[in-house]
PDB file of all heavy atoms in Angstrom:
ATOM      1  N   THR A   1       0.840  -1.207   0.000  1.00  0.00           N
ATOM      2  CA  THR A   1       0.000   0.000   0.000  1.00  0.00           C
ATOM      3  C   THR A   1       0.870   1.251   0.000  1.00  0.00           C
ATOM      4  O   THR A   1       0.606   2.207  -0.738  1.00  0.00           O
ATOM      5  CB  THR A   1      -0.927   0.016   1.231  1.00  0.00           C
ATOM      6  OG1 THR A   1      -1.810  -1.106   1.176  1.00  0.00           O
ATOM      7  CG2 THR A   1      -1.752   1.294   1.268  1.00  0.00           C
ATOM      8  N   LYS A   2       1.909   1.234   0.795  1.00  0.00           N
ATOM      9  CA  LYS A   2       2.821   2.377   0.890  1.00  0.00           C
ATOM     10  C   LYS A   2       3.559   2.620  -0.420  1.00  0.00           C
ATOM     11  O   LYS A   2       3.811   3.763  -0.806  1.00  0.00           O
ATOM     12  CB  LYS A   2       3.831   2.126   2.023  1.00  0.00           C
ATOM     13  CG  LYS A   2       4.775   3.278   2.276  1.00  0.00           C
ATOM     14  CD  LYS A   2       5.702   2.963   3.447  1.00  0.00           C
ATOM     15  CE  LYS A   2       6.674   4.111   3.697  1.00  0.00           C
ATOM     16  NZ  LYS A   2       7.597   3.794   4.828  1.00  0.00           N
ATOM     17  N   LEU A   3       3.893   1.531  -1.122  1.00  0.00           N
ATOM     18  CA  LEU A   3       4.676   1.640  -2.358  1.00  0.00           C
ATOM     19  C   LEU A   3       3.809   1.767  -3.614  1.00  0.00           C
ATOM     20  O   LEU A   3       4.339   2.012  -4.700  1.00  0.00           O
ATOM     21  CB  LEU A   3       5.577   0.407  -2.517  1.00  0.00           C
ATOM     22  CG  LEU A   3       6.586   0.123  -1.413  1.00  0.00           C
ATOM     23  CD1 LEU A   3       7.367  -1.143  -1.748  1.00  0.00           C
ATOM     24  CD2 LEU A   3       7.536   1.293  -1.227  1.00  0.00           C
ATOM     25  N   ALA A   4       2.500   1.589  -3.465  1.00  0.00           N
ATOM     26  CA  ALA A   4       1.600   1.510  -4.618  1.00  0.00           C
ATOM     27  C   ALA A   4       1.766   2.642  -5.642  1.00  0.00           C
ATOM     28  O   ALA A   4       1.813   2.376  -6.847  1.00  0.00           O
ATOM     29  CB  ALA A   4       0.148   1.430  -4.149  1.00  0.00           C
ATOM     30  N   PRO A   5       1.854   3.918  -5.225  1.00  0.00           N
ATOM     31  CA  PRO A   5       2.000   4.983  -6.227  1.00  0.00           C
ATOM     32  C   PRO A   5       3.232   4.809  -7.114  1.00  0.00           C
ATOM     33  O   PRO A   5       3.168   5.023  -8.335  1.00  0.00           O
ATOM     34  CB  PRO A   5       2.106   6.256  -5.368  1.00  0.00           C
ATOM     35  CG  PRO A   5       1.385   5.909  -4.099  1.00  0.00           C
ATOM     36  CD  PRO A   5       1.721   4.469  -3.857  1.00  0.00           C
ATOM     37  N   ASP A   6       4.355   4.413  -6.511  1.00  0.00           N
ATOM     38  CA  ASP A   6       5.581   4.226  -7.289  1.00  0.00           C
ATOM     39  C   ASP A   6       5.516   2.958  -8.138  1.00  0.00           C
ATOM     40  O   ASP A   6       6.050   2.919  -9.256  1.00  0.00           O
ATOM     41  CB  ASP A   6       6.796   4.169  -6.359  1.00  0.00           C
ATOM     42  CG  ASP A   6       7.099   5.515  -5.724  1.00  0.00           C
ATOM     43  OD1 ASP A   6       7.498   6.432  -6.458  1.00  0.00           O
ATOM     44  OD2 ASP A   6       6.897   5.662  -4.514  1.00  0.00           O
ATOM     45  N   LEU A   7       4.861   1.927  -7.629  1.00  0.00           N
ATOM     46  CA  LEU A   7       4.706   0.698  -8.407  1.00  0.00           C
ATOM     47  C   LEU A   7       3.826   0.955  -9.624  1.00  0.00           C
ATOM     48  O   LEU A   7       4.108   0.460 -10.725  1.00  0.00           O
ATOM     49  CB  LEU A   7       4.099  -0.406  -7.542  1.00  0.00           C
ATOM     50  CG  LEU A   7       4.909  -0.862  -6.326  1.00  0.00           C
ATOM     51  CD1 LEU A   7       4.171  -1.971  -5.578  1.00  0.00           C
ATOM     52  CD2 LEU A   7       6.293  -1.346  -6.738  1.00  0.00           C
ATOM     53  N   LEU A   8       2.780   1.740  -9.447  1.00  0.00           N
ATOM     54  CA  LEU A   8       1.886   2.058 -10.556  1.00  0.00           C
ATOM     55  C   LEU A   8       2.609   2.854 -11.642  1.00  0.00           C
ATOM     56  O   LEU A   8       2.385   2.635 -12.837  1.00  0.00           O
ATOM     57  CB  LEU A   8       0.668   2.838 -10.055  1.00  0.00           C
ATOM     58  CG  LEU A   8      -0.391   2.019  -9.318  1.00  0.00           C
ATOM     59  CD1 LEU A   8      -1.468   2.938  -8.746  1.00  0.00           C
ATOM     60  CD2 LEU A   8      -1.023   0.996 -10.255  1.00  0.00           C
ATOM     61  N   LYS A   9       3.461   3.778 -11.232  1.00  0.00           N
ATOM     62  CA  LYS A   9       4.243   4.538 -12.217  1.00  0.00           C
ATOM     63  C   LYS A   9       5.119   3.610 -13.045  1.00  0.00           C
ATOM     64  O   LYS A   9       5.230   3.757 -14.262  1.00  0.00           O
ATOM     65  CB  LYS A   9       5.121   5.575 -11.503  1.00  0.00           C
ATOM     66  CG  LYS A   9       4.388   6.813 -11.027  1.00  0.00           C
ATOM     67  CD  LYS A   9       5.365   7.798 -10.412  1.00  0.00           C
ATOM     68  CE  LYS A   9       4.657   9.033  -9.898  1.00  0.00           C
ATOM     69  NZ  LYS A   9       5.615   9.994  -9.265  1.00  0.00           N
ATOM     70  N   ALA A  10       5.759   2.654 -12.368  1.00  0.00           N
ATOM     71  CA  ALA A  10       6.633   1.715 -13.067  1.00  0.00           C
ATOM     72  C   ALA A  10       5.843   0.832 -14.032  1.00  0.00           C
ATOM     73  O   ALA A  10       6.324   0.509 -15.123  1.00  0.00           O
ATOM     74  CB  ALA A  10       7.383   0.848 -12.056  1.00  0.00           C
ATOM     75  N   ILE A  11       4.624   0.463 -13.643  1.00  0.00           N
ATOM     76  CA  ILE A  11       3.800  -0.409 -14.481  1.00  0.00           C
ATOM     77  C   ILE A  11       3.244   0.336 -15.687  1.00  0.00           C
ATOM     78  O   ILE A  11       3.259  -0.166 -16.813  1.00  0.00           O
ATOM     79  CB  ILE A  11       2.643  -1.008 -13.660  1.00  0.00           C
ATOM     80  CG1 ILE A  11       3.192  -1.990 -12.628  1.00  0.00           C
ATOM     81  CG2 ILE A  11       1.640  -1.714 -14.563  1.00  0.00           C
ATOM     82  CD1 ILE A  11       2.150  -2.480 -11.646  1.00  0.00           C
ATOM     83  N   THR A  12       2.757   1.545 -15.454  1.00  0.00           N
ATOM     84  CA  THR A  12       2.091   2.286 -16.526  1.00  0.00           C
ATOM     85  C   THR A  12       3.050   3.046 -17.430  1.00  0.00           C
ATOM     86  O   THR A  12       2.664   3.487 -18.504  1.00  0.00           O
ATOM     87  CB  THR A  12       1.061   3.280 -15.944  1.00  0.00           C
ATOM     88  OG1 THR A  12       1.719   4.173 -15.036  1.00  0.00           O
ATOM     89  CG2 THR A  12      -0.033   2.545 -15.211  1.00  0.00           C
ATOM     90  N   GLU A  13       4.307   3.182 -17.000  1.00  0.00           N
ATOM     91  CA  GLU A  13       5.311   3.872 -17.832  1.00  0.00           C
ATOM     92  C   GLU A  13       6.550   2.980 -17.976  1.00  0.00           C
ATOM     93  O   GLU A  13       7.641   3.334 -17.526  1.00  0.00           O
ATOM     94  CB  GLU A  13       5.695   5.209 -17.188  1.00  0.00           C
ATOM     95  CG  GLU A  13       4.572   6.211 -17.076  1.00  0.00           C
ATOM     96  CD  GLU A  13       4.215   6.840 -18.416  1.00  0.00           C
ATOM     97  OE1 GLU A  13       4.937   6.604 -19.403  1.00  0.00           O
ATOM     98  OE2 GLU A  13       3.219   7.576 -18.471  1.00  0.00           O
ATOM     99  N   PRO A  14       6.395   1.816 -18.617  1.00  0.00           N
ATOM    100  CA  PRO A  14       7.512   0.872 -18.711  1.00  0.00           C
ATOM    101  C   PRO A  14       8.710   1.399 -19.499  1.00  0.00           C
ATOM    102  O   PRO A  14       9.832   0.929 -19.312  1.00  0.00           O
ATOM    103  CB  PRO A  14       6.890  -0.347 -19.406  1.00  0.00           C
ATOM    104  CG  PRO A  14       5.717   0.213 -20.156  1.00  0.00           C
ATOM    105  CD  PRO A  14       5.191   1.316 -19.299  1.00  0.00           C
ATOM    106  N   SER A  15       8.479   2.377 -20.373  1.00  0.00           N
ATOM    107  CA  SER A  15       9.579   2.920 -21.169  1.00  0.00           C
ATOM    108  C   SER A  15      10.485   3.847 -20.354  1.00  0.00           C
ATOM    109  O   SER A  15      11.616   4.130 -20.761  1.00  0.00           O
ATOM    110  CB  SER A  15       9.035   3.678 -22.390  1.00  0.00           C
ATOM    111  OG  SER A  15       8.235   4.774 -21.964  1.00  0.00           O
ATOM    112  N   LYS A  16       9.991   4.316 -19.214  1.00  0.00           N
ATOM    113  CA  LYS A  16      10.783   5.198 -18.356  1.00  0.00           C
ATOM    114  C   LYS A  16      11.496   4.355 -17.295  1.00  0.00           C
ATOM    115  O   LYS A  16      10.924   4.013 -16.262  1.00  0.00           O
ATOM    116  CB  LYS A  16       9.887   6.261 -17.712  1.00  0.00           C
ATOM    117  CG  LYS A  16       9.270   7.212 -18.731  1.00  0.00           C
ATOM    118  CD  LYS A  16       8.475   8.321 -18.070  1.00  0.00           C
ATOM    119  CE  LYS A  16       7.915   9.288 -19.111  1.00  0.00           C
ATOM    120  NZ  LYS A  16       7.125  10.369 -18.494  1.00  0.00           N
ATOM    121  N   LYS A  17      12.743   4.015 -17.598  1.00  0.00           N
ATOM    122  CA  LYS A  17      13.496   3.107 -16.736  1.00  0.00           C
ATOM    123  C   LYS A  17      13.680   3.645 -15.323  1.00  0.00           C
ATOM    124  O   LYS A  17      13.819   2.876 -14.378  1.00  0.00           O
ATOM    125  CB  LYS A  17      14.860   2.810 -17.359  1.00  0.00           C
ATOM    126  CG  LYS A  17      14.787   2.011 -18.640  1.00  0.00           C
ATOM    127  CD  LYS A  17      16.148   1.556 -19.107  1.00  0.00           C
ATOM    128  CE  LYS A  17      16.723   0.509 -18.181  1.00  0.00           C
ATOM    129  NZ  LYS A  17      17.985  -0.065 -18.682  1.00  0.00           N
ATOM    130  N   GLU A  18      13.659   4.989 -15.201  1.00  0.00           N
ATOM    131  CA  GLU A  18      13.864   5.562 -13.869  1.00  0.00           C
ATOM    132  C   GLU A  18      12.741   5.179 -12.901  1.00  0.00           C
ATOM    133  O   GLU A  18      12.965   5.033 -11.703  1.00  0.00           O
ATOM    134  CB  GLU A  18      13.993   7.098 -13.938  1.00  0.00           C
ATOM    135  CG  GLU A  18      12.762   7.843 -14.446  1.00  0.00           C
ATOM    136  CD  GLU A  18      12.770   8.069 -15.943  1.00  0.00           C
ATOM    137  OE1 GLU A  18      13.413   7.272 -16.656  1.00  0.00           O
ATOM    138  OE2 GLU A  18      12.136   9.045 -16.400  1.00  0.00           O
ATOM    139  N   PHE A  19      11.522   4.987 -13.436  1.00  0.00           N
ATOM    140  CA  PHE A  19      10.404   4.580 -12.582  1.00  0.00           C
ATOM    141  C   PHE A  19      10.586   3.146 -12.092  1.00  0.00           C
ATOM    142  O   PHE A  19      10.334   2.833 -10.919  1.00  0.00           O
ATOM    143  CB  PHE A  19       9.077   4.703 -13.337  1.00  0.00           C
ATOM    144  CG  PHE A  19       8.639   6.127 -13.579  1.00  0.00           C
ATOM    145  CD1 PHE A  19       7.689   6.430 -14.544  1.00  0.00           C
ATOM    146  CD2 PHE A  19       9.175   7.176 -12.837  1.00  0.00           C
ATOM    147  CE1 PHE A  19       7.281   7.743 -14.765  1.00  0.00           C
ATOM    148  CE2 PHE A  19       8.777   8.500 -13.047  1.00  0.00           C
ATOM    149  CZ  PHE A  19       7.826   8.766 -14.020  1.00  0.00           C
ATOM    150  N   THR A  20      11.025   2.274 -13.007  1.00  0.00           N
ATOM    151  CA  THR A  20      11.277   0.883 -12.624  1.00  0.00           C
ATOM    152  C   THR A  20      12.427   0.799 -11.634  1.00  0.00           C
ATOM    153  O   THR A  20      12.372   0.057 -10.648  1.00  0.00           O
ATOM    154  CB  THR A  20      11.598   0.027 -13.864  1.00  0.00           C
ATOM    155  OG1 THR A  20      10.470   0.030 -14.737  1.00  0.00           O
ATOM    156  CG2 THR A  20      11.921  -1.413 -13.472  1.00  0.00           C
ATOM    157  N   GLU A  21      13.477   1.570 -11.895  1.00  0.00           N
ATOM    158  CA  GLU A  21      14.638   1.563 -10.996  1.00  0.00           C
ATOM    159  C   GLU A  21      14.265   2.042  -9.604  1.00  0.00           C
ATOM    160  O   GLU A  21      14.698   1.468  -8.593  1.00  0.00           O
ATOM    161  CB  GLU A  21      15.748   2.445 -11.584  1.00  0.00           C
ATOM    162  CG  GLU A  21      16.404   1.835 -12.817  1.00  0.00           C
ATOM    163  CD  GLU A  21      17.329   2.802 -13.524  1.00  0.00           C
ATOM    164  OE1 GLU A  21      17.422   3.979 -13.083  1.00  0.00           O
ATOM    165  OE2 GLU A  21      17.959   2.401 -14.524  1.00  0.00           O
ATOM    166  N   LYS A  22      13.436   3.095  -9.526  1.00  0.00           N
ATOM    167  CA  LYS A  22      13.011   3.600  -8.220  1.00  0.00           C
ATOM    168  C   LYS A  22      12.164   2.560  -7.494  1.00  0.00           C
ATOM    169  O   LYS A  22      12.325   2.339  -6.280  1.00  0.00           O
ATOM    170  CB  LYS A  22      12.216   4.898  -8.369  1.00  0.00           C
ATOM    171  CG  LYS A  22      11.797   5.482  -7.018  1.00  0.00           C
ATOM    172  CD  LYS A  22      11.014   6.776  -7.164  1.00  0.00           C
ATOM    173  CE  LYS A  22      10.622   7.321  -5.794  1.00  0.00           C
ATOM    174  NZ  LYS A  22       9.809   8.565  -5.892  1.00  0.00           N
ATOM    175  N   ALA A  23      11.257   1.908  -8.246  1.00  0.00           N
ATOM    176  CA  ALA A  23      10.408   0.884  -7.644  1.00  0.00           C
ATOM    177  C   ALA A  23      11.259  -0.253  -7.079  1.00  0.00           C
ATOM    178  O   ALA A  23      11.011  -0.730  -5.967  1.00  0.00           O
ATOM    179  CB  ALA A  23       9.424   0.335  -8.683  1.00  0.00           C
ATOM    180  N   LEU A  24      12.282  -0.670  -7.821  1.00  0.00           N
ATOM    181  CA  LEU A  24      13.164  -1.744  -7.351  1.00  0.00           C
ATOM    182  C   LEU A  24      13.957  -1.314  -6.120  1.00  0.00           C
ATOM    183  O   LEU A  24      14.168  -2.104  -5.198  1.00  0.00           O
ATOM    184  CB  LEU A  24      14.120  -2.164  -8.472  1.00  0.00           C
ATOM    185  CG  LEU A  24      13.487  -2.974  -9.615  1.00  0.00           C
ATOM    186  CD1 LEU A  24      14.490  -3.170 -10.734  1.00  0.00           C
ATOM    187  CD2 LEU A  24      12.978  -4.316  -9.104  1.00  0.00           C
ATOM    188  N   GLN A  25      14.396  -0.052  -6.103  1.00  0.00           N
ATOM    189  CA  GLN A  25      15.126   0.465  -4.938  1.00  0.00           C
ATOM    190  C   GLN A  25      14.242   0.442  -3.696  1.00  0.00           C
ATOM    191  O   GLN A  25      14.676   0.050  -2.607  1.00  0.00           O
ATOM    192  CB  GLN A  25      15.605   1.891  -5.214  1.00  0.00           C
ATOM    193  CG  GLN A  25      16.762   1.972  -6.207  1.00  0.00           C
ATOM    194  CD  GLN A  25      17.106   3.416  -6.574  1.00  0.00           C
ATOM    195  OE1 GLN A  25      16.489   4.362  -6.072  1.00  0.00           O
ATOM    196  NE2 GLN A  25      18.083   3.588  -7.449  1.00  0.00           N
ATOM    197  N   LEU A  26      12.985   0.856  -3.873  1.00  0.00           N
ATOM    198  CA  LEU A  26      12.045   0.861  -2.752  1.00  0.00           C
ATOM    199  C   LEU A  26      11.751  -0.559  -2.277  1.00  0.00           C
ATOM    200  O   LEU A  26      11.668  -0.822  -1.074  1.00  0.00           O
ATOM    201  CB  LEU A  26      10.747   1.565  -3.155  1.00  0.00           C
ATOM    202  CG  LEU A  26      10.853   3.076  -3.385  1.00  0.00           C
ATOM    203  CD1 LEU A  26       9.573   3.613  -4.008  1.00  0.00           C
ATOM    204  CD2 LEU A  26      11.147   3.806  -2.079  1.00  0.00           C
ATOM    205  N   LEU A  27      11.607  -1.472  -3.224  1.00  0.00           N
ATOM    206  CA  LEU A  27      11.343  -2.863  -2.873  1.00  0.00           C
ATOM    207  C   LEU A  27      12.534  -3.483  -2.156  1.00  0.00           C
ATOM    208  O   LEU A  27      12.378  -4.258  -1.207  1.00  0.00           O
ATOM    209  CB  LEU A  27      11.016  -3.677  -4.134  1.00  0.00           C
ATOM    210  CG  LEU A  27       9.651  -3.402  -4.767  1.00  0.00           C
ATOM    211  CD1 LEU A  27       9.556  -4.050  -6.135  1.00  0.00           C
ATOM    212  CD2 LEU A  27       8.528  -3.905  -3.863  1.00  0.00           C
ATOM    213  N   ALA A  28      13.747  -3.101  -2.606  1.00  0.00           N
ATOM    214  CA  ALA A  28      14.964  -3.628  -1.984  1.00  0.00           C
ATOM    215  C   ALA A  28      15.072  -3.192  -0.529  1.00  0.00           C
ATOM    216  O   ALA A  28      15.616  -3.915   0.316  1.00  0.00           O
ATOM    217  CB  ALA A  28      16.201  -3.170  -2.756  1.00  0.00           C
ATOM    218  N   GLY A  29      14.541  -2.012  -0.223  1.00  0.00           N
ATOM    219  CA  GLY A  29      14.616  -1.492   1.136  1.00  0.00           C
ATOM    220  C   GLY A  29      13.407  -1.833   1.989  1.00  0.00           C
ATOM    221  O   GLY A  29      13.263  -1.335   3.107  1.00  0.00           O
ATOM    222  N   THR A  30      12.526  -2.677   1.459  1.00  0.00           N
ATOM    223  CA  THR A  30      11.304  -3.027   2.178  1.00  0.00           C
ATOM    224  C   THR A  30      11.422  -4.403   2.833  1.00  0.00           C
ATOM    225  O   THR A  30      11.861  -5.359   2.207  1.00  0.00           O
ATOM    226  CB  THR A  30      10.094  -3.047   1.210  1.00  0.00           C
ATOM    227  OG1 THR A  30       9.927  -1.748   0.651  1.00  0.00           O
ATOM    228  CG2 THR A  30       8.817  -3.438   1.947  1.00  0.00           C
ATOM    229  N   THR A  31      11.045  -4.466   4.093  1.00  0.00           N
ATOM    230  CA  THR A  31      10.979  -5.745   4.790  1.00  0.00           C
ATOM    231  C   THR A  31       9.524  -6.204   4.785  1.00  0.00           C
ATOM    232  O   THR A  31       8.664  -5.575   5.402  1.00  0.00           O
ATOM    233  CB  THR A  31      11.474  -5.617   6.246  1.00  0.00           C
ATOM    234  OG1 THR A  31      12.826  -5.161   6.244  1.00  0.00           O
ATOM    235  CG2 THR A  31      11.395  -6.960   6.955  1.00  0.00           C
ATOM    236  N   PHE A  32       9.243  -7.276   4.070  1.00  0.00           N
ATOM    237  CA  PHE A  32       7.878  -7.777   3.983  1.00  0.00           C
ATOM    238  C   PHE A  32       7.560  -8.618   5.215  1.00  0.00           C
ATOM    239  O   PHE A  32       8.230  -9.608   5.488  1.00  0.00           O
ATOM    240  CB  PHE A  32       7.693  -8.600   2.701  1.00  0.00           C
ATOM    241  CG  PHE A  32       7.708  -7.769   1.455  1.00  0.00           C
ATOM    242  CD1 PHE A  32       8.878  -7.582   0.742  1.00  0.00           C
ATOM    243  CD2 PHE A  32       6.548  -7.160   1.006  1.00  0.00           C
ATOM    244  CE1 PHE A  32       8.906  -6.802  -0.405  1.00  0.00           C
ATOM    245  CE2 PHE A  32       6.556  -6.377  -0.142  1.00  0.00           C
ATOM    246  CZ  PHE A  32       7.743  -6.200  -0.855  1.00  0.00           C
ATOM    247  N   MET A  33       6.531  -8.197   5.938  1.00  0.00           N
ATOM    248  CA  MET A  33       6.164  -8.882   7.181  1.00  0.00           C
ATOM    249  C   MET A  33       4.709  -9.343   7.190  1.00  0.00           C
ATOM    250  O   MET A  33       4.315 -10.120   8.046  1.00  0.00           O
ATOM    251  CB  MET A  33       6.408  -7.946   8.372  1.00  0.00           C
ATOM    252  CG  MET A  33       7.847  -7.481   8.499  1.00  0.00           C
ATOM    253  SD  MET A  33       8.081  -6.339   9.877  1.00  0.00           S
ATOM    254  CE  MET A  33       7.726  -7.403  11.271  1.00  0.00           C
ATOM    255  N   ASN A  34       3.911  -8.836   6.238  1.00  0.00           N
ATOM    256  CA  ASN A  34       2.484  -9.152   6.225  1.00  0.00           C
ATOM    257  C   ASN A  34       2.114  -9.997   5.011  1.00  0.00           C
ATOM    258  O   ASN A  34       2.846 -10.027   4.019  1.00  0.00           O
ATOM    259  CB  ASN A  34       1.670  -7.850   6.216  1.00  0.00           C
ATOM    260  CG  ASN A  34       1.887  -7.036   7.475  1.00  0.00           C
ATOM    261  OD1 ASN A  34       1.279  -7.295   8.506  1.00  0.00           O
ATOM    262  ND2 ASN A  34       2.778  -6.043   7.407  1.00  0.00           N
ATOM    263  N   ARG A  35       0.976 -10.647   5.110  1.00  0.00           N
ATOM    264  CA  ARG A  35       0.530 -11.522   4.034  1.00  0.00           C
ATOM    265  C   ARG A  35       0.377 -10.751   2.725  1.00  0.00           C
ATOM    266  O   ARG A  35      -0.083  -9.604   2.722  1.00  0.00           O
ATOM    267  CB  ARG A  35      -0.807 -12.185   4.399  1.00  0.00           C
ATOM    268  CG  ARG A  35      -0.762 -13.027   5.654  1.00  0.00           C
ATOM    269  CD  ARG A  35       0.129 -14.231   5.518  1.00  0.00           C
ATOM    270  NE  ARG A  35      -0.404 -15.217   4.585  1.00  0.00           N
ATOM    271  CZ  ARG A  35      -1.283 -16.150   4.902  1.00  0.00           C
ATOM    272  NH1 ARG A  35      -1.777 -16.219   6.141  1.00  0.00           N
ATOM    273  NH2 ARG A  35      -1.702 -17.024   4.007  1.00  0.00           N
ATOM    274  N   VAL A  36       0.770 -11.388   1.642  1.00  0.00           N
ATOM    275  CA  VAL A  36       0.694 -10.757   0.317  1.00  0.00           C
ATOM    276  C   VAL A  36      -0.566 -11.252  -0.383  1.00  0.00           C
ATOM    277  O   VAL A  36      -0.762 -12.453  -0.566  1.00  0.00           O
ATOM    278  CB  VAL A  36       1.941 -11.100  -0.526  1.00  0.00           C
ATOM    279  CG1 VAL A  36       1.794 -10.548  -1.944  1.00  0.00           C
ATOM    280  CG2 VAL A  36       3.192 -10.538   0.138  1.00  0.00           C
ATOM    281  N   ASP A  37      -1.421 -10.301  -0.762  1.00  0.00           N
ATOM    282  CA  ASP A  37      -2.691 -10.653  -1.388  1.00  0.00           C
ATOM    283  C   ASP A  37      -2.602 -10.579  -2.910  1.00  0.00           C
ATOM    284  O   ASP A  37      -1.579 -10.214  -3.483  1.00  0.00           O
ATOM    285  CB  ASP A  37      -3.811  -9.738  -0.865  1.00  0.00           C
ATOM    286  CG  ASP A  37      -3.453  -8.264  -0.985  1.00  0.00           C
ATOM    287  OD1 ASP A  37      -2.596  -7.927  -1.819  1.00  0.00           O
ATOM    288  OD2 ASP A  37      -4.018  -7.443  -0.230  1.00  0.00           O
ATOM    289  N   ALA A  38      -3.704 -10.940  -3.575  1.00  0.00           N
ATOM    290  CA  ALA A  38      -3.749 -10.988  -5.038  1.00  0.00           C
ATOM    291  C   ALA A  38      -3.467  -9.630  -5.693  1.00  0.00           C
ATOM    292  O   ALA A  38      -2.664  -9.550  -6.638  1.00  0.00           O
ATOM    293  CB  ALA A  38      -5.099 -11.536  -5.498  1.00  0.00           C
ATOM    294  N   PRO A  39      -4.081  -8.530  -5.224  1.00  0.00           N
ATOM    295  CA  PRO A  39      -3.788  -7.228  -5.853  1.00  0.00           C
ATOM    296  C   PRO A  39      -2.317  -6.821  -5.683  1.00  0.00           C
ATOM    297  O   PRO A  39      -1.727  -6.224  -6.590  1.00  0.00           O
ATOM    298  CB  PRO A  39      -4.716  -6.256  -5.119  1.00  0.00           C
ATOM    299  CG  PRO A  39      -5.801  -7.111  -4.578  1.00  0.00           C
ATOM    300  CD  PRO A  39      -5.148  -8.403  -4.224  1.00  0.00           C
TER     301      PRO A  39
END
């Protein structure tokens, strides 16, 4: 939920590598502790 805005940018603008890179950086710094749902 916290990362959703940046993930959406990466998904909807695949040609802009900076969005994907930022999303990966955020994911790399995230500790997943809660159940992951379908969305």
